[in-house]
Amino acid sequence: MIAIRNDAIRTSTALWIDTVPSEDAARAWAAEHVELGSMLVAELLDDGADPDLDSPGIDSADRTADHPEPATAPPGRVVGFASHAPLRPYDGYRWTAEDSVYLTADAQGRGLGRALLEALVPLAASQGAHSLIGMIEASNTASIALHESFGFTETGRIPQAGRKFDRWLDLVIMQRLL
C-alpha cells in the first residue's frame, strides 16, 4: 500500500503532495486506516487459489469477464487499495467520508478499481458514513467515470485549486449519499 501511494505522490496528480513522506509517516498513515477498518487491499492470487473462496470482487478482482487470467505479476503482490477517511476533523463532518482508490500501473484497466470501490461503498455505509465524497483531479477522467458508474454525481468544481508538476490543477468534487 505504501509503495503504491508513494508512487502516486511521485508520478501523478492523484495526490497533491510534493514530497514522499518518511517511512514512519507512511506507516502511521497506513496504520491509521487499518485501525479504522477502512482499508481494502487488492492482491493477486496464486494459481492454486480458489476464487470462489475469496472475497468477491477484491482478492479475485484481477479475474474479470474481460480478463479471465490474472495480471502478470508475482502471486501475493498488492496491486491496489481503497480506503475511506473522515472528510474533515470536525464533529459536523463525522458522517461524511472521502474515498481513495489507487492501483499499480500494471493493474489498471482490469476491473480492480471497480471491485475495490464496489466493496468500499457498503463498508463506508456500515461504518456510519452517510455521504461519500470523491475529490478528483479534473484530468483523471477514468476516476470520474468510475465514480459516476457507482452513482456519484459532480457537486462542485474548483478551478486551479492546487498546483503540482508546475501546473495548476482543477478539483472535481463528487458525492454519493449512502
N, C-alpha and C. Protein backbone atom coordinates (compact mmCIF):
# COMPACT_ATOMS: atom_id res chain seq x y z
N MET A 1 0.83 -1.19 0.00
CA MET A 1 0.00 0.00 0.00
C MET A 1 0.87 1.25 0.00
N ILE A 2 1.86 1.24 0.86
CA ILE A 2 2.72 2.41 0.98
C ILE A 2 3.45 2.67 -0.33
N ALA A 3 3.97 1.62 -0.97
CA ALA A 3 4.68 1.79 -2.23
C ALA A 3 3.75 2.34 -3.31
N ILE A 4 2.52 1.87 -3.35
CA ILE A 4 1.55 2.35 -4.35
C ILE A 4 1.25 3.83 -4.10
N ARG A 5 1.02 4.18 -2.85
CA ARG A 5 0.73 5.58 -2.50
C ARG A 5 1.93 6.47 -2.82
N ASN A 6 3.12 6.02 -2.46
CA ASN A 6 4.32 6.81 -2.73
C ASN A 6 4.55 7.00 -4.22
N ASP A 7 4.27 5.97 -5.02
CA ASP A 7 4.39 6.10 -6.47
C ASP A 7 3.40 7.14 -7.00
N ALA A 8 2.18 7.14 -6.47
CA ALA A 8 1.19 8.13 -6.88
C ALA A 8 1.65 9.54 -6.53
N ILE A 9 2.31 9.69 -5.39
CA ILE A 9 2.83 11.00 -5.00
C ILE A 9 3.91 11.44 -5.98
N ARG A 10 4.81 10.53 -6.32
CA ARG A 10 5.94 10.86 -7.20
C ARG A 10 5.54 11.11 -8.64
N THR A 11 4.53 10.38 -9.14
CA THR A 11 4.31 10.34 -10.59
C THR A 11 2.97 10.86 -11.08
N SER A 12 2.04 11.16 -10.18
CA SER A 12 0.70 11.50 -10.65
C SER A 12 0.14 12.73 -9.94
N THR A 13 -0.99 13.16 -10.42
CA THR A 13 -1.71 14.26 -9.76
C THR A 13 -2.87 13.73 -8.92
N ALA A 14 -2.87 12.43 -8.65
CA ALA A 14 -3.91 11.85 -7.81
C ALA A 14 -3.79 12.34 -6.37
N LEU A 15 -2.58 12.50 -5.90
CA LEU A 15 -2.32 13.05 -4.56
C LEU A 15 -1.55 14.35 -4.72
N TRP A 16 -2.06 15.40 -4.16
CA TRP A 16 -1.43 16.70 -4.31
C TRP A 16 -0.41 16.92 -3.21
N ILE A 17 0.55 16.03 -3.16
CA ILE A 17 1.63 16.07 -2.19
C ILE A 17 2.92 16.14 -2.99
N ASP A 18 3.81 17.05 -2.63
CA ASP A 18 5.05 17.21 -3.38
C ASP A 18 6.17 16.29 -2.93
N THR A 19 6.17 15.92 -1.66
CA THR A 19 7.27 15.16 -1.09
C THR A 19 6.77 13.83 -0.55
N VAL A 20 7.45 12.77 -0.91
CA VAL A 20 7.10 11.45 -0.39
C VAL A 20 7.34 11.46 1.11
N PRO A 21 6.37 11.01 1.90
CA PRO A 21 6.54 11.03 3.35
C PRO A 21 7.63 10.07 3.82
N SER A 22 8.14 10.34 5.00
CA SER A 22 9.13 9.43 5.59
C SER A 22 8.49 8.06 5.79
N GLU A 23 9.33 7.07 5.97
CA GLU A 23 8.83 5.71 6.21
C GLU A 23 7.92 5.68 7.43
N ASP A 24 8.31 6.38 8.50
CA ASP A 24 7.50 6.41 9.72
C ASP A 24 6.14 7.06 9.47
N ALA A 25 6.14 8.18 8.74
CA ALA A 25 4.88 8.88 8.44
C ALA A 25 3.99 8.02 7.56
N ALA A 26 4.58 7.34 6.58
CA ALA A 26 3.80 6.48 5.69
C ALA A 26 3.19 5.31 6.46
N ARG A 27 3.98 4.71 7.34
CA ARG A 27 3.46 3.60 8.15
C ARG A 27 2.35 4.07 9.09
N ALA A 28 2.50 5.27 9.64
CA ALA A 28 1.46 5.81 10.53
C ALA A 28 0.16 6.03 9.75
N TRP A 29 0.28 6.56 8.52
CA TRP A 29 -0.90 6.76 7.68
C TRP A 29 -1.61 5.42 7.43
N ALA A 30 -0.84 4.41 7.03
CA ALA A 30 -1.43 3.10 6.75
C ALA A 30 -2.04 2.49 8.01
N ALA A 31 -1.33 2.59 9.12
CA ALA A 31 -1.84 2.02 10.38
C ALA A 31 -3.14 2.68 10.81
N GLU A 32 -3.24 3.98 10.61
CA GLU A 32 -4.47 4.69 10.98
C GLU A 32 -5.66 4.16 10.18
N HIS A 33 -5.48 3.98 8.88
CA HIS A 33 -6.57 3.48 8.05
C HIS A 33 -6.91 2.03 8.36
N VAL A 34 -5.90 1.23 8.63
CA VAL A 34 -6.15 -0.17 9.00
C VAL A 34 -6.89 -0.21 10.33
N GLU A 35 -6.47 0.61 11.28
CA GLU A 35 -7.12 0.65 12.60
C GLU A 35 -8.58 1.09 12.50
N LEU A 36 -8.85 2.03 11.61
CA LEU A 36 -10.23 2.48 11.40
C LEU A 36 -11.08 1.40 10.72
N GLY A 37 -10.42 0.40 10.16
CA GLY A 37 -11.15 -0.63 9.43
C GLY A 37 -11.64 -0.15 8.09
N SER A 38 -10.95 0.86 7.55
CA SER A 38 -11.43 1.49 6.32
C SER A 38 -10.52 1.24 5.13
N MET A 39 -9.68 0.22 5.20
CA MET A 39 -8.71 -0.06 4.15
C MET A 39 -9.02 -1.41 3.51
N LEU A 40 -9.12 -1.43 2.20
CA LEU A 40 -9.28 -2.66 1.43
C LEU A 40 -8.07 -2.81 0.52
N VAL A 41 -7.60 -4.02 0.34
CA VAL A 41 -6.41 -4.26 -0.46
C VAL A 41 -6.72 -5.26 -1.56
N ALA A 42 -6.23 -4.99 -2.77
CA ALA A 42 -6.34 -5.94 -3.88
C ALA A 42 -4.99 -6.61 -4.03
N GLU A 43 -5.01 -7.93 -3.94
CA GLU A 43 -3.79 -8.72 -4.04
C GLU A 43 -4.01 -9.79 -5.09
N LEU A 44 -3.00 -10.03 -5.91
CA LEU A 44 -3.12 -11.08 -6.91
C LEU A 44 -3.10 -12.44 -6.24
N LEU A 45 -3.89 -13.36 -6.77
CA LEU A 45 -3.95 -14.73 -6.25
C LEU A 45 -2.88 -15.57 -6.92
N ASP A 46 -2.41 -16.60 -6.20
CA ASP A 46 -1.53 -17.56 -6.87
C ASP A 46 -2.39 -18.50 -7.70
N ASP A 47 -1.77 -19.26 -8.55
CA ASP A 47 -2.52 -20.12 -9.48
C ASP A 47 -3.36 -21.17 -8.79
N GLY A 48 -3.01 -21.56 -7.56
CA GLY A 48 -3.75 -22.59 -6.86
C GLY A 48 -4.92 -22.08 -6.05
N ALA A 49 -5.15 -20.79 -6.04
CA ALA A 49 -6.22 -20.23 -5.21
C ALA A 49 -7.58 -20.51 -5.83
N ASP A 50 -8.57 -20.63 -4.97
CA ASP A 50 -9.94 -20.84 -5.41
C ASP A 50 -10.68 -19.51 -5.30
N PRO A 51 -10.95 -18.83 -6.44
CA PRO A 51 -11.61 -17.54 -6.38
C PRO A 51 -12.97 -17.57 -5.68
N ASP A 52 -13.65 -18.74 -5.69
CA ASP A 52 -14.95 -18.83 -5.03
C ASP A 52 -14.84 -18.72 -3.52
N LEU A 53 -13.66 -19.01 -2.97
CA LEU A 53 -13.47 -18.92 -1.53
C LEU A 53 -13.00 -17.54 -1.10
N ASP A 54 -12.62 -16.74 -2.05
CA ASP A 54 -12.11 -15.41 -1.73
C ASP A 54 -13.23 -14.40 -1.73
N SER A 55 -12.96 -13.28 -1.10
CA SER A 55 -13.92 -12.19 -1.05
C SER A 55 -14.26 -11.75 -2.47
N PRO A 56 -15.52 -11.82 -2.90
CA PRO A 56 -15.86 -11.49 -4.28
C PRO A 56 -15.53 -10.04 -4.60
N GLY A 57 -14.84 -9.86 -5.73
CA GLY A 57 -14.55 -8.52 -6.20
C GLY A 57 -13.31 -7.91 -5.60
N ILE A 58 -12.71 -8.52 -4.61
CA ILE A 58 -11.49 -7.93 -4.05
C ILE A 58 -10.32 -8.84 -4.38
N ASP A 59 -10.09 -9.88 -3.59
CA ASP A 59 -8.95 -10.75 -3.87
C ASP A 59 -9.05 -11.37 -5.26
N SER A 60 -10.25 -11.66 -5.71
CA SER A 60 -10.41 -12.28 -7.02
C SER A 60 -10.68 -11.25 -8.11
N ALA A 61 -10.52 -9.98 -7.81
CA ALA A 61 -10.89 -8.93 -8.76
C ALA A 61 -10.00 -8.89 -9.98
N ASP A 62 -8.82 -9.49 -9.92
CA ASP A 62 -7.97 -9.48 -11.10
C ASP A 62 -8.48 -10.42 -12.19
N ARG A 63 -9.49 -11.23 -11.88
CA ARG A 63 -10.08 -12.14 -12.86
C ARG A 63 -11.47 -11.61 -13.21
N THR A 64 -11.55 -10.86 -14.30
CA THR A 64 -12.82 -10.27 -14.71
C THR A 64 -13.28 -10.93 -16.00
N ALA A 65 -14.48 -10.58 -16.42
CA ALA A 65 -15.00 -11.15 -17.66
C ALA A 65 -14.09 -10.83 -18.84
N ASP A 66 -13.54 -9.62 -18.87
CA ASP A 66 -12.66 -9.22 -19.96
C ASP A 66 -11.25 -9.76 -19.80
N HIS A 67 -10.86 -10.08 -18.59
CA HIS A 67 -9.50 -10.54 -18.30
C HIS A 67 -9.59 -11.75 -17.38
N PRO A 68 -9.92 -12.95 -17.92
CA PRO A 68 -10.11 -14.10 -17.05
C PRO A 68 -8.82 -14.58 -16.39
N GLU A 69 -7.69 -14.23 -16.93
CA GLU A 69 -6.42 -14.64 -16.33
C GLU A 69 -5.90 -13.51 -15.46
N PRO A 70 -5.19 -13.86 -14.39
CA PRO A 70 -4.65 -12.82 -13.52
C PRO A 70 -3.61 -11.97 -14.24
N ALA A 71 -3.44 -10.75 -13.76
CA ALA A 71 -2.42 -9.86 -14.31
C ALA A 71 -1.06 -10.52 -14.12
N THR A 72 -0.11 -10.19 -14.99
CA THR A 72 1.21 -10.78 -14.89
C THR A 72 2.00 -10.08 -13.81
N ALA A 73 2.06 -10.68 -12.64
CA ALA A 73 2.80 -10.15 -11.51
C ALA A 73 2.99 -11.29 -10.53
N PRO A 74 3.97 -11.18 -9.65
CA PRO A 74 4.19 -12.26 -8.69
C PRO A 74 2.96 -12.48 -7.81
N PRO A 75 2.57 -13.74 -7.55
CA PRO A 75 1.42 -14.01 -6.67
C PRO A 75 1.62 -13.37 -5.31
N GLY A 76 0.53 -12.89 -4.76
CA GLY A 76 0.59 -12.29 -3.43
C GLY A 76 1.03 -10.85 -3.41
N ARG A 77 1.28 -10.27 -4.57
CA ARG A 77 1.71 -8.87 -4.62
C ARG A 77 0.49 -7.97 -4.52
N VAL A 78 0.57 -6.98 -3.64
CA VAL A 78 -0.50 -5.99 -3.52
C VAL A 78 -0.45 -5.09 -4.74
N VAL A 79 -1.59 -4.99 -5.46
CA VAL A 79 -1.64 -4.19 -6.68
C VAL A 79 -2.61 -3.02 -6.58
N GLY A 80 -3.26 -2.88 -5.44
CA GLY A 80 -4.16 -1.75 -5.28
C GLY A 80 -4.74 -1.70 -3.89
N PHE A 81 -5.32 -0.55 -3.58
CA PHE A 81 -6.02 -0.42 -2.31
C PHE A 81 -7.07 0.66 -2.43
N ALA A 82 -8.03 0.59 -1.55
CA ALA A 82 -9.06 1.62 -1.43
C ALA A 82 -9.26 1.88 0.05
N SER A 83 -9.58 3.11 0.36
CA SER A 83 -9.83 3.46 1.76
C SER A 83 -10.83 4.60 1.82
N HIS A 84 -11.37 4.79 3.00
CA HIS A 84 -12.16 5.99 3.25
C HIS A 84 -11.71 6.56 4.58
N ALA A 85 -11.83 7.86 4.69
CA ALA A 85 -11.42 8.56 5.91
C ALA A 85 -12.33 9.75 6.10
N PRO A 86 -12.43 10.24 7.33
CA PRO A 86 -13.28 11.42 7.56
C PRO A 86 -12.87 12.57 6.63
N LEU A 87 -13.87 13.25 6.10
CA LEU A 87 -13.60 14.36 5.19
C LEU A 87 -12.83 15.47 5.88
N ARG A 88 -13.25 15.82 7.08
CA ARG A 88 -12.58 16.86 7.87
C ARG A 88 -12.63 16.44 9.33
N PRO A 89 -11.71 16.96 10.14
CA PRO A 89 -11.65 16.53 11.55
C PRO A 89 -12.58 17.29 12.49
N TYR A 90 -13.74 17.67 12.01
CA TYR A 90 -14.70 18.43 12.83
C TYR A 90 -15.96 17.59 13.04
N ASP A 91 -16.58 17.74 14.21
CA ASP A 91 -17.74 16.93 14.58
C ASP A 91 -18.84 16.92 13.52
N GLY A 92 -19.13 18.05 12.95
CA GLY A 92 -20.23 18.15 11.99
C GLY A 92 -20.02 17.32 10.73
N TYR A 93 -18.78 16.93 10.46
CA TYR A 93 -18.46 16.14 9.27
C TYR A 93 -18.37 14.65 9.55
N ARG A 94 -18.71 14.23 10.77
CA ARG A 94 -18.45 12.83 11.14
C ARG A 94 -19.21 11.81 10.29
N TRP A 95 -20.22 12.23 9.57
CA TRP A 95 -20.98 11.31 8.71
C TRP A 95 -20.54 11.39 7.25
N THR A 96 -19.51 12.16 6.98
CA THR A 96 -19.03 12.33 5.61
C THR A 96 -17.60 11.81 5.51
N ALA A 97 -17.37 10.92 4.55
CA ALA A 97 -16.05 10.33 4.35
C ALA A 97 -15.58 10.60 2.93
N GLU A 98 -14.28 10.66 2.76
CA GLU A 98 -13.67 10.79 1.44
C GLU A 98 -13.08 9.44 1.05
N ASP A 99 -13.35 9.01 -0.17
CA ASP A 99 -12.80 7.74 -0.63
C ASP A 99 -11.53 7.96 -1.44
N SER A 100 -10.71 6.93 -1.47
CA SER A 100 -9.48 6.91 -2.27
C SER A 100 -9.34 5.51 -2.86
N VAL A 101 -8.97 5.46 -4.14
CA VAL A 101 -8.73 4.18 -4.81
C VAL A 101 -7.44 4.34 -5.61
N TYR A 102 -6.48 3.46 -5.36
CA TYR A 102 -5.19 3.52 -6.05
C TYR A 102 -4.79 2.13 -6.54
N LEU A 103 -4.22 2.08 -7.75
CA LEU A 103 -3.76 0.83 -8.34
C LEU A 103 -2.36 1.01 -8.91
N THR A 104 -1.60 -0.08 -8.97
CA THR A 104 -0.34 -0.03 -9.68
C THR A 104 -0.66 0.13 -11.17
N ALA A 105 0.31 0.63 -11.93
CA ALA A 105 0.09 0.86 -13.35
C ALA A 105 -0.30 -0.43 -14.08
N ASP A 106 0.33 -1.55 -13.73
CA ASP A 106 0.04 -2.80 -14.43
C ASP A 106 -1.29 -3.42 -14.02
N ALA A 107 -1.93 -2.90 -12.99
CA ALA A 107 -3.23 -3.42 -12.56
C ALA A 107 -4.40 -2.58 -13.07
N GLN A 108 -4.11 -1.45 -13.67
CA GLN A 108 -5.17 -0.57 -14.14
C GLN A 108 -5.85 -1.16 -15.38
N GLY A 109 -7.14 -0.86 -15.52
CA GLY A 109 -7.90 -1.32 -16.68
C GLY A 109 -8.32 -2.78 -16.61
N ARG A 110 -8.27 -3.38 -15.44
CA ARG A 110 -8.62 -4.80 -15.30
C ARG A 110 -9.83 -5.01 -14.40
N GLY A 111 -10.49 -3.93 -14.00
CA GLY A 111 -11.67 -4.05 -13.15
C GLY A 111 -11.38 -4.02 -11.67
N LEU A 112 -10.13 -3.87 -11.29
CA LEU A 112 -9.78 -3.83 -9.87
C LEU A 112 -10.30 -2.59 -9.17
N GLY A 113 -10.17 -1.43 -9.81
CA GLY A 113 -10.69 -0.20 -9.20
C GLY A 113 -12.18 -0.31 -8.96
N ARG A 114 -12.89 -0.86 -9.93
CA ARG A 114 -14.33 -1.07 -9.81
C ARG A 114 -14.63 -2.02 -8.65
N ALA A 115 -13.89 -3.11 -8.54
CA ALA A 115 -14.12 -4.07 -7.46
C ALA A 115 -13.84 -3.44 -6.10
N LEU A 116 -12.78 -2.66 -6.01
CA LEU A 116 -12.45 -2.01 -4.75
C LEU A 116 -13.53 -1.01 -4.34
N LEU A 117 -13.96 -0.17 -5.28
CA LEU A 117 -14.99 0.82 -4.94
C LEU A 117 -16.32 0.14 -4.63
N GLU A 118 -16.61 -0.95 -5.34
CA GLU A 118 -17.84 -1.70 -5.08
C GLU A 118 -17.87 -2.23 -3.65
N ALA A 119 -16.73 -2.62 -3.12
CA ALA A 119 -16.65 -3.10 -1.74
C ALA A 119 -16.56 -1.95 -0.74
N LEU A 120 -15.94 -0.85 -1.15
CA LEU A 120 -15.72 0.27 -0.23
C LEU A 120 -17.02 1.01 0.10
N VAL A 121 -17.90 1.18 -0.87
CA VAL A 121 -19.14 1.93 -0.64
C VAL A 121 -19.97 1.32 0.49
N PRO A 122 -20.28 0.01 0.46
CA PRO A 122 -21.05 -0.54 1.58
C PRO A 122 -20.26 -0.59 2.88
N LEU A 123 -18.94 -0.72 2.79
CA LEU A 123 -18.12 -0.69 4.00
C LEU A 123 -18.26 0.66 4.69
N ALA A 124 -18.14 1.74 3.91
CA ALA A 124 -18.28 3.08 4.48
C ALA A 124 -19.67 3.26 5.10
N ALA A 125 -20.70 2.78 4.41
CA ALA A 125 -22.06 2.89 4.95
C ALA A 125 -22.19 2.11 6.25
N SER A 126 -21.63 0.91 6.30
CA SER A 126 -21.73 0.09 7.51
C SER A 126 -20.97 0.69 8.68
N GLN A 127 -20.03 1.57 8.38
CA GLN A 127 -19.25 2.22 9.43
C GLN A 127 -19.79 3.61 9.76
N GLY A 128 -21.01 3.90 9.30
CA GLY A 128 -21.69 5.12 9.71
C GLY A 128 -21.63 6.29 8.75
N ALA A 129 -20.98 6.13 7.60
CA ALA A 129 -20.93 7.24 6.65
C ALA A 129 -22.31 7.41 6.00
N HIS A 130 -22.74 8.64 5.90
CA HIS A 130 -23.99 8.98 5.22
C HIS A 130 -23.69 9.52 3.82
N SER A 131 -22.52 10.12 3.68
CA SER A 131 -22.13 10.74 2.42
C SER A 131 -20.69 10.34 2.12
N LEU A 132 -20.45 9.91 0.89
CA LEU A 132 -19.11 9.54 0.46
C LEU A 132 -18.68 10.52 -0.63
N ILE A 133 -17.50 11.09 -0.47
CA ILE A 133 -17.00 12.14 -1.34
C ILE A 133 -15.78 11.64 -2.10
N GLY A 134 -15.71 11.95 -3.38
CA GLY A 134 -14.50 11.74 -4.17
C GLY A 134 -13.96 13.10 -4.57
N MET A 135 -12.72 13.36 -4.24
CA MET A 135 -12.04 14.61 -4.63
C MET A 135 -11.04 14.21 -5.71
N ILE A 136 -11.33 14.56 -6.96
CA ILE A 136 -10.61 14.01 -8.10
C ILE A 136 -10.04 15.14 -8.95
N GLU A 137 -8.77 15.01 -9.32
CA GLU A 137 -8.16 15.98 -10.23
C GLU A 137 -8.89 15.87 -11.57
N ALA A 138 -9.26 17.00 -12.14
CA ALA A 138 -10.18 17.04 -13.28
C ALA A 138 -9.72 16.26 -14.51
N SER A 139 -8.42 16.11 -14.71
CA SER A 139 -7.98 15.36 -15.89
C SER A 139 -8.02 13.85 -15.69
N ASN A 140 -8.35 13.39 -14.48
CA ASN A 140 -8.44 11.96 -14.20
C ASN A 140 -9.84 11.46 -14.59
N THR A 141 -10.06 11.42 -15.88
CA THR A 141 -11.39 11.07 -16.39
C THR A 141 -11.78 9.63 -16.07
N ALA A 142 -10.80 8.74 -15.93
CA ALA A 142 -11.12 7.35 -15.57
C ALA A 142 -11.72 7.29 -14.17
N SER A 143 -11.16 8.03 -13.23
CA SER A 143 -11.70 8.03 -11.87
C SER A 143 -13.07 8.70 -11.82
N ILE A 144 -13.23 9.77 -12.57
CA ILE A 144 -14.53 10.44 -12.62
C ILE A 144 -15.59 9.48 -13.17
N ALA A 145 -15.27 8.78 -14.27
CA ALA A 145 -16.21 7.83 -14.86
C ALA A 145 -16.50 6.67 -13.90
N LEU A 146 -15.48 6.19 -13.20
CA LEU A 146 -15.68 5.12 -12.23
C LEU A 146 -16.66 5.57 -11.15
N HIS A 147 -16.44 6.74 -10.61
CA HIS A 147 -17.34 7.24 -9.56
C HIS A 147 -18.76 7.44 -10.09
N GLU A 148 -18.88 7.98 -11.30
CA GLU A 148 -20.22 8.15 -11.90
C GLU A 148 -20.93 6.81 -12.03
N SER A 149 -20.19 5.76 -12.38
CA SER A 149 -20.81 4.45 -12.57
C SER A 149 -21.32 3.87 -11.25
N PHE A 150 -20.88 4.42 -10.12
CA PHE A 150 -21.36 3.99 -8.81
C PHE A 150 -22.34 4.99 -8.21
N GLY A 151 -22.89 5.86 -9.04
CA GLY A 151 -23.92 6.77 -8.57
C GLY A 151 -23.43 8.06 -7.95
N PHE A 152 -22.13 8.33 -8.05
CA PHE A 152 -21.62 9.62 -7.57
C PHE A 152 -21.99 10.68 -8.60
N THR A 153 -22.30 11.87 -8.12
CA THR A 153 -22.58 12.99 -9.01
C THR A 153 -21.61 14.12 -8.70
N GLU A 154 -21.31 14.88 -9.73
CA GLU A 154 -20.43 16.04 -9.53
C GLU A 154 -21.21 17.11 -8.78
N THR A 155 -20.70 17.49 -7.63
CA THR A 155 -21.36 18.51 -6.82
C THR A 155 -20.58 19.81 -6.79
N GLY A 156 -19.39 19.79 -7.35
CA GLY A 156 -18.60 21.02 -7.38
C GLY A 156 -17.35 20.85 -8.21
N ARG A 157 -16.81 21.98 -8.61
CA ARG A 157 -15.57 22.02 -9.38
C ARG A 157 -14.84 23.30 -8.96
N ILE A 158 -13.61 23.13 -8.55
CA ILE A 158 -12.81 24.28 -8.12
C ILE A 158 -11.64 24.44 -9.09
N PRO A 159 -11.69 25.47 -9.94
CA PRO A 159 -10.58 25.70 -10.87
C PRO A 159 -9.31 26.09 -10.11
N GLN A 160 -8.20 25.60 -10.58
CA GLN A 160 -6.89 25.94 -10.04
C GLN A 160 -6.84 25.84 -8.52
N ALA A 161 -7.37 24.75 -8.00
CA ALA A 161 -7.42 24.53 -6.55
C ALA A 161 -6.07 24.12 -5.98
N GLY A 162 -5.20 23.59 -6.82
CA GLY A 162 -3.89 23.14 -6.35
C GLY A 162 -2.87 23.23 -7.46
N ARG A 163 -1.64 22.93 -7.09
CA ARG A 163 -0.55 23.01 -8.05
C ARG A 163 0.42 21.86 -7.81
N LYS A 164 0.81 21.22 -8.90
CA LYS A 164 1.80 20.15 -8.85
C LYS A 164 2.42 20.02 -10.23
N PHE A 165 3.68 19.64 -10.27
CA PHE A 165 4.41 19.47 -11.53
C PHE A 165 4.34 20.75 -12.38
N ASP A 166 4.45 21.89 -11.72
CA ASP A 166 4.48 23.20 -12.39
C ASP A 166 3.23 23.51 -13.20
N ARG A 167 2.09 22.99 -12.76
CA ARG A 167 0.84 23.37 -13.42
C ARG A 167 -0.29 23.42 -12.41
N TRP A 168 -1.29 24.24 -12.73
CA TRP A 168 -2.46 24.37 -11.87
C TRP A 168 -3.38 23.18 -12.10
N LEU A 169 -4.01 22.73 -11.02
CA LEU A 169 -4.90 21.57 -11.07
C LEU A 169 -6.31 21.97 -10.66
N ASP A 170 -7.28 21.49 -11.42
CA ASP A 170 -8.68 21.71 -11.08
C ASP A 170 -9.18 20.52 -10.27
N LEU A 171 -10.04 20.80 -9.31
CA LEU A 171 -10.57 19.76 -8.43
C LEU A 171 -12.05 19.52 -8.74
N VAL A 172 -12.39 18.26 -8.99
CA VAL A 172 -13.79 17.86 -9.17
C VAL A 172 -14.23 17.20 -7.88
N ILE A 173 -15.35 17.65 -7.34
CA ILE A 173 -15.90 17.08 -6.11
C ILE A 173 -17.12 16.25 -6.50
N MET A 174 -17.08 14.97 -6.14
CA MET A 174 -18.18 14.06 -6.45
C MET A 174 -18.73 13.51 -5.14
N GLN A 175 -20.04 13.25 -5.12
CA GLN A 175 -20.69 12.80 -3.89
C GLN A 175 -21.70 11.71 -4.19
N ARG A 176 -21.79 10.79 -3.23
CA ARG A 176 -22.87 9.80 -3.25
C ARG A 176 -23.43 9.72 -1.84
N LEU A 177 -24.74 9.88 -1.73
CA LEU A 177 -25.40 9.68 -0.44
C LEU A 177 -25.63 8.19 -0.27
N LEU A 178 -25.31 7.68 0.91
CA LEU A 178 -25.35 6.23 1.15
C LEU A 178 -26.64 5.80 1.81
